[in-house]
Amino acid sequence: MTDGLILREIGADEFARVWPVFRAVIADGDTYSYPPDLSFEQARDGWTTPPCRCFVAERDEETLGCYMLKPNQPGLGDHVANAGYMVSPAARSQGIASAMCEHSLEQARLAGFTAMQFNFVVSTNTTAVRLWQRHGFQIVGQVPGAFRHAGLGPTDIYLMHRQL
């Protein structure tokens, strides 16, 4: 279902293309730690200000998803990448997140990263956990109650990692 899917990097000037997806994903308070009332400017700056790089997934000029790629840490930790992915609710179960993950892994390799780490995967987001595991990520840590899930209250998060 990823036929015709285009993945390309965007800058701050195009962030409005992904803002509806971003806003929809954080609105429910069940997968990301961003506050549901995060402003456009805060989201744009967080995802497009270097060293962060933002990518859009689109088909027929319709935005289906987006992801952000950046160093996990500055300085002596900047050889490990970090990424965050968002898929439009209307485009879920079409392989968009998987395509973005593969694309991000290749972009990370090209940028010289040696590994990728996800610092904050909500344990109840089982679809994402299974997807990242299919892409070679392992759960290497768990933090009890680190996420205030809008519906479930304090929820564990996973730290996930893989070598590139």
Protein backbone atom coordinates (compact mmCIF):
# COMPACT_ATOMS: atom_id res chain seq x y z
CA MET A 1 0.00 0.00 0.00
CA THR A 2 3.00 2.26 -0.21
CA ASP A 3 2.78 2.54 -4.01
CA GLY A 4 3.40 6.11 -5.04
CA LEU A 5 4.61 7.08 -1.56
CA ILE A 6 7.18 9.88 -1.64
CA LEU A 7 9.42 10.54 1.33
CA ARG A 8 11.30 13.83 1.25
CA GLU A 9 12.97 16.23 3.60
CA ILE A 10 11.24 19.49 4.41
CA GLY A 11 12.28 22.66 6.18
CA ALA A 12 10.48 25.01 8.52
CA ASP A 13 8.88 26.74 5.53
CA GLU A 14 6.89 23.56 4.73
CA PHE A 15 6.07 22.40 8.25
CA ALA A 16 2.46 23.51 7.78
CA ARG A 17 2.10 20.46 5.48
CA VAL A 18 2.65 18.08 8.40
CA TRP A 19 1.04 20.15 11.16
CA PRO A 20 -2.44 18.58 10.78
CA VAL A 21 -0.93 15.10 11.22
CA PHE A 22 1.23 16.24 14.13
CA ARG A 23 -1.72 17.89 15.87
CA ALA A 24 -3.98 14.85 15.35
CA VAL A 25 -1.38 12.44 16.76
CA ILE A 26 -0.67 14.40 19.95
CA ALA A 27 -4.31 15.38 20.59
CA ASP A 28 -5.28 12.11 22.31
CA GLY A 29 -2.39 12.15 24.79
CA ASP A 30 -1.75 8.43 24.37
CA THR A 31 1.50 8.09 22.39
CA TYR A 32 3.68 11.21 22.66
CA SER A 33 4.81 13.25 25.63
CA TYR A 34 4.11 16.52 23.80
CA PRO A 35 1.34 18.48 25.51
CA PRO A 36 -1.86 18.33 23.45
CA ASP A 37 -1.88 22.14 23.26
CA LEU A 38 1.66 22.39 21.80
CA SER A 39 1.74 25.33 19.42
CA PHE A 40 2.55 25.18 15.74
CA GLU A 41 5.69 27.24 16.35
CA GLN A 42 6.92 24.95 19.13
CA ALA A 43 6.35 21.83 17.01
CA ARG A 44 7.94 23.38 13.93
CA ASP A 45 10.99 24.59 15.83
CA GLY A 46 11.40 21.26 17.61
CA TRP A 47 11.27 19.25 14.40
CA THR A 48 13.03 21.50 11.89
CA THR A 49 15.75 23.38 13.77
CA PRO A 50 19.17 21.83 13.06
CA PRO A 51 20.44 19.35 13.91
CA CYS A 52 16.84 18.07 13.63
CA ARG A 53 15.69 17.09 10.16
CA CYS A 54 12.03 16.67 9.23
CA PHE A 55 10.64 14.42 6.49
CA VAL A 56 7.17 14.16 5.00
CA ALA A 57 5.49 11.03 3.60
CA GLU A 58 3.05 11.96 0.87
CA ARG A 59 1.10 10.44 -1.98
CA ASP A 60 -0.61 12.49 -4.66
CA GLU A 61 0.37 15.62 -2.70
CA GLU A 62 -1.56 14.37 0.37
CA THR A 63 0.43 14.29 3.61
CA LEU A 64 0.18 10.83 5.16
CA GLY A 65 2.86 11.06 7.79
CA CYS A 66 6.08 12.65 8.94
CA TYR A 67 9.18 11.87 10.90
CA MET A 68 12.01 13.69 12.61
CA LEU A 69 15.65 12.54 12.68
CA LYS A 70 18.31 13.98 14.96
CA PRO A 71 21.26 13.02 17.14
CA ASN A 72 20.04 11.30 20.29
CA GLN A 73 22.41 13.39 22.41
CA PRO A 74 24.86 16.24 21.72
CA GLY A 75 28.62 15.89 21.83
CA LEU A 76 29.87 12.44 22.76
CA GLY A 77 26.43 10.89 22.13
CA ASP A 78 25.86 12.35 18.69
CA HIS A 79 26.81 9.14 16.85
CA VAL A 80 23.46 7.60 17.87
CA ALA A 81 20.35 8.79 16.01
CA ASN A 82 16.91 9.41 17.44
CA ALA A 83 13.67 9.62 15.48
CA GLY A 84 9.96 10.18 15.98
CA TYR A 85 7.22 9.13 13.56
CA MET A 86 3.63 10.25 13.09
CA VAL A 87 1.01 8.83 10.72
CA SER A 88 -2.28 10.45 9.87
CA PRO A 89 -5.14 8.56 11.56
CA ALA A 90 -6.75 8.15 8.11
CA ALA A 91 -3.57 6.55 6.69
CA ARG A 92 -2.85 3.97 9.40
CA SER A 93 -2.38 0.28 8.56
CA GLN A 94 -1.05 1.13 5.11
CA GLY A 95 2.66 0.57 5.80
CA ILE A 96 3.45 4.28 6.08
CA ALA A 97 5.23 4.01 9.47
CA SER A 98 7.23 1.03 8.24
CA ALA A 99 8.29 2.92 5.10
CA MET A 100 9.27 5.94 7.18
CA CYS A 101 11.27 3.75 9.56
CA GLU A 102 13.21 2.15 6.70
CA HIS A 103 13.80 5.57 5.14
CA SER A 104 14.98 7.00 8.47
CA LEU A 105 17.40 4.12 9.01
CA GLU A 106 18.94 4.76 5.59
CA GLN A 107 19.08 8.53 6.20
CA ALA A 108 20.73 7.88 9.56
CA ARG A 109 23.35 5.62 7.94
CA LEU A 110 24.04 8.22 5.26
CA ALA A 111 24.46 10.88 7.95
CA GLY A 112 27.10 8.76 9.70
CA PHE A 113 25.11 7.52 12.68
CA THR A 114 26.09 4.07 13.98
CA ALA A 115 22.90 3.23 15.87
CA MET A 116 19.36 4.47 16.47
CA GLN A 117 17.62 4.79 19.80
CA PHE A 118 14.04 5.59 20.76
CA ASN A 119 13.97 7.09 24.25
CA PHE A 120 10.26 7.21 24.95
CA VAL A 121 8.08 4.48 23.42
CA VAL A 122 4.84 4.23 25.38
CA SER A 123 4.43 0.58 26.40
CA THR A 124 0.71 0.55 25.62
CA ASN A 125 1.42 1.64 22.03
CA THR A 126 1.76 -2.03 21.11
CA THR A 127 1.42 -1.41 17.37
CA ALA A 128 4.51 0.81 17.44
CA VAL A 129 6.45 -1.53 19.74
CA ARG A 130 5.82 -4.51 17.43
CA LEU A 131 6.69 -2.43 14.35
CA TRP A 132 9.99 -1.22 15.77
CA GLN A 133 10.84 -4.78 16.83
CA ARG A 134 10.18 -5.97 13.25
CA HIS A 135 12.70 -3.34 12.14
CA GLY A 136 15.38 -4.73 14.45
CA PHE A 137 14.89 -2.62 17.56
CA GLN A 138 15.12 -4.25 20.97
CA ILE A 139 13.69 -3.08 24.25
CA VAL A 140 16.78 -2.28 26.30
CA GLY A 141 15.10 -0.50 29.18
CA GLN A 142 11.79 0.24 30.83
CA VAL A 143 10.86 3.23 32.99
CA PRO A 144 7.86 2.65 35.26
CA GLY A 145 5.10 5.25 35.10
CA ALA A 146 7.14 7.75 33.05
CA PHE A 147 4.21 8.70 30.80
CA ARG A 148 0.98 10.30 31.97
CA HIS A 149 -1.37 8.53 29.55
CA ALA A 150 -4.56 10.57 29.03
CA GLY A 151 -6.78 7.52 29.51
CA LEU A 152 -4.74 5.05 31.55
CA GLY A 153 -2.79 7.27 33.92
CA PRO A 154 0.86 6.51 34.74
CA THR A 155 2.18 4.16 32.06
CA ASP A 156 5.61 2.61 31.49
CA ILE A 157 7.82 3.65 28.61
CA TYR A 158 10.42 1.63 26.75
CA LEU A 159 13.87 2.56 25.59
CA MET A 160 14.48 0.82 22.25
CA HIS A 161 17.77 0.51 20.34
CA ARG A 162 19.39 -1.02 17.28
CA GLN A 163 22.73 -0.86 15.55
CA LEU A 164 22.90 0.48 12.02
